[in-house]
Amino acid sequence: MTRNPEFLVGNVAINGDLILAPMAGFSDSPYRLLCRALGSAVSYTECIPATGLMHKNPRITQSAQYDPRERPLVFQVIGSEPDQVIRACLSLQEQAPDWIDINMGCPAPRASSRGAGAGLLREPDKIARIFAVLSKQLTVPVSGKIRLGWDCSSRNHLEVAHILEDNGASLIAVHGRTGRDKYGSPADWDAIAQVKQAVSIPVLGNGDVRTVTDIERIKAHTRCDGVMIGRAAIGNPWIFRRRDLDTVPLDERIRVIRCHLDLMIAFYGEPRGIVLFRKHLVRYVHGLPGAAYVRSQLMLCRTRSQVLDRLAADAFLHPVQNVL
């Protein structure tokens, strides 16, 4: 039996309502692949700087690599200058993503102070120009991830949402805070609901989704088509199966740790893959007996065998099958 999609992005069917958010330093190909296997409906890359891509920065180029099993695959691009963003998107299209997303939500000063990310919300005319061109020149859909505005005095989420839809966007993801808020205030789900009511294209809700209960709450509150989950998924990719971390037994955590570890080494090599994996490891063992000691030991590991030895020494290791 063919499953009816939850929604469409252009002509791309989305078979699920939970999606891993693009997060710098976390949403790389190994983690996207793992989350996709555990139920994330779409794989968004980390935001790819248009300037770095045009200068062929090796690290930026690597961030655009993906495994076909991640599909639907979305390249997220960040930049402040329309012509540069457009060129970057047209270049990335050659790598056959399912669609391309423009980041208008990153609050980090290194981006927003230069007019990129959430800083782009201060210039709606630039947003209109970017989407008007991309919706005509790309052969894949284009979407946008936004915040509610640059700050509380300039909330323009409805204006920007209309600009996106009127200029050919196929989806809008809304983080329920302003750029200045960063992550310090409660997410405004009412504002996400306003966007959903204002446009006819799919809307993803994002912000303050930490538990399975929160998933159902934000969907009921906003009527959004899907839920984008970021920080709450770090250390708990099972949230995409609607499971909170405290319900996941130890042997299952170890199975996923081993799978994720091997994916990191295959993608980055050893020891770089191990070093980059440490930030995931400390979250995976959260709440386990002796977790503080285990974390201190894991942070010293530089090889796969050392990681597995540390886990085995604390009776965390169980022979299980790979999840992929």
Foldseek 3Di string as FASTA:
>chain_A
DDDQALADQPNRGFNAFEAADQDPLQLAQLNLLLLVLLAHRAREFHEQELVCVVVPPVVSVLSLDHDPSSPLYEYEYKDAALVSRLVSLVVSVVVPHQEYEYALAALDCVRLVRCIHVVVLVPLVSVLVNLLVCQVPHPHAYEYEHEQHQAPVGRDNLVSLCSNVVRGHQEYEYFQHHSVCRQPDFRDLVVLLVSVVRDDHAYEYEGDQQALVSQVVSCVSRVGSHYHYYPNCQLPSNVSVRDHLVVDDLARLQLSLLQSLVSLCVSPNFQVSLQSCLSSVLSNCPPPVPSVVLSVQSNPDGDPVSNQVSCVVVVSYDDDDHSD
